[in-house]
Amino acid sequence: MVDFTPQELSHFFPEMRAVLHDCHFANCTHRHEPQCAVKAAVEEGRISEERYHNYLNIIEDTNNTQ
């Protein structure tokens, strides 16, 4: 797998990439930041919870291997 930061990972998910510009913080990791457009889209059903959990799992796996 290619090296990436948690902020970059969301760019590999087209449905997340579509709302990234609406996040309050430019370096949002979409995990715990307030006013996160990705988390809001998940809550509203515009982004699949399964896809969001896949995203979180990839970040977790990456953190555990570093």
Protein backbone atom coordinates (compact mmCIF):
# COMPACT_ATOMS: atom_id res chain seq x y z
CA MET A 1 0.00 0.00 0.00
CA VAL A 2 1.15 3.52 -0.72
CA ASP A 3 2.09 5.80 2.17
CA PHE A 4 -0.65 8.28 3.05
CA THR A 5 -1.80 10.37 5.95
CA PRO A 6 -5.24 9.95 7.53
CA GLN A 7 -6.22 13.26 5.92
CA GLU A 8 -5.28 11.90 2.48
CA LEU A 9 -7.05 8.55 2.87
CA SER A 10 -10.49 10.10 2.51
CA HIS A 11 -9.55 11.20 -1.02
CA PHE A 12 -9.61 7.51 -2.03
CA PHE A 13 -13.32 7.32 -1.11
CA PRO A 14 -15.26 9.18 -3.86
CA GLU A 15 -18.32 9.71 -1.68
CA MET A 16 -16.16 11.33 1.00
CA ARG A 17 -14.15 13.35 -1.49
CA ALA A 18 -17.42 14.94 -2.64
CA VAL A 19 -18.01 16.57 0.77
CA LEU A 20 -14.47 17.21 2.06
CA HIS A 21 -14.61 20.88 1.14
CA ASP A 22 -17.47 21.31 3.64
CA CYS A 23 -15.44 20.16 6.68
CA HIS A 24 -14.73 22.95 9.14
CA PHE A 25 -11.03 22.04 9.42
CA ALA A 26 -8.80 21.59 6.37
CA ASN A 27 -6.84 18.80 8.08
CA CYS A 28 -9.94 16.92 9.25
CA THR A 29 -9.44 13.17 9.76
CA HIS A 30 -13.23 12.64 9.92
CA ARG A 31 -13.01 10.82 13.23
CA HIS A 32 -13.52 13.26 16.11
CA GLU A 33 -13.40 16.80 14.76
CA PRO A 34 -16.43 19.06 15.20
CA GLN A 35 -18.36 20.23 12.14
CA CYS A 36 -17.09 17.35 10.01
CA ALA A 37 -19.00 17.09 6.73
CA VAL A 38 -18.11 13.41 6.31
CA LYS A 39 -19.53 12.43 9.70
CA ALA A 40 -22.63 14.53 8.98
CA ALA A 41 -23.07 12.79 5.61
CA VAL A 42 -22.84 9.40 7.34
CA GLU A 43 -25.46 10.44 9.91
CA GLU A 44 -27.73 11.69 7.10
CA GLY A 45 -27.32 8.45 5.12
CA ARG A 46 -25.51 10.10 2.20
CA ILE A 47 -22.37 8.05 2.95
CA SER A 48 -22.72 4.37 3.79
CA GLU A 49 -21.91 3.51 7.41
CA GLU A 50 -20.13 0.42 6.13
CA ARG A 51 -17.85 2.49 3.90
CA TYR A 52 -17.18 4.92 6.75
CA HIS A 53 -16.28 2.03 9.07
CA ASN A 54 -13.98 0.63 6.37
CA TYR A 55 -12.27 4.02 6.28
CA LEU A 56 -11.88 4.03 10.09
CA ASN A 57 -10.53 0.46 10.05
CA ILE A 58 -7.89 1.37 7.46
CA ILE A 59 -6.75 4.28 9.61
CA GLU A 60 -6.65 2.04 12.69
CA ASP A 61 -4.71 -0.67 10.85
CA THR A 62 -2.25 1.91 9.57
CA ASN A 63 -1.75 3.35 13.06
CA ASN A 64 -1.11 -0.12 14.46
CA THR A 65 1.58 -0.93 11.90
CA GLN A 66 3.56 2.28 12.33
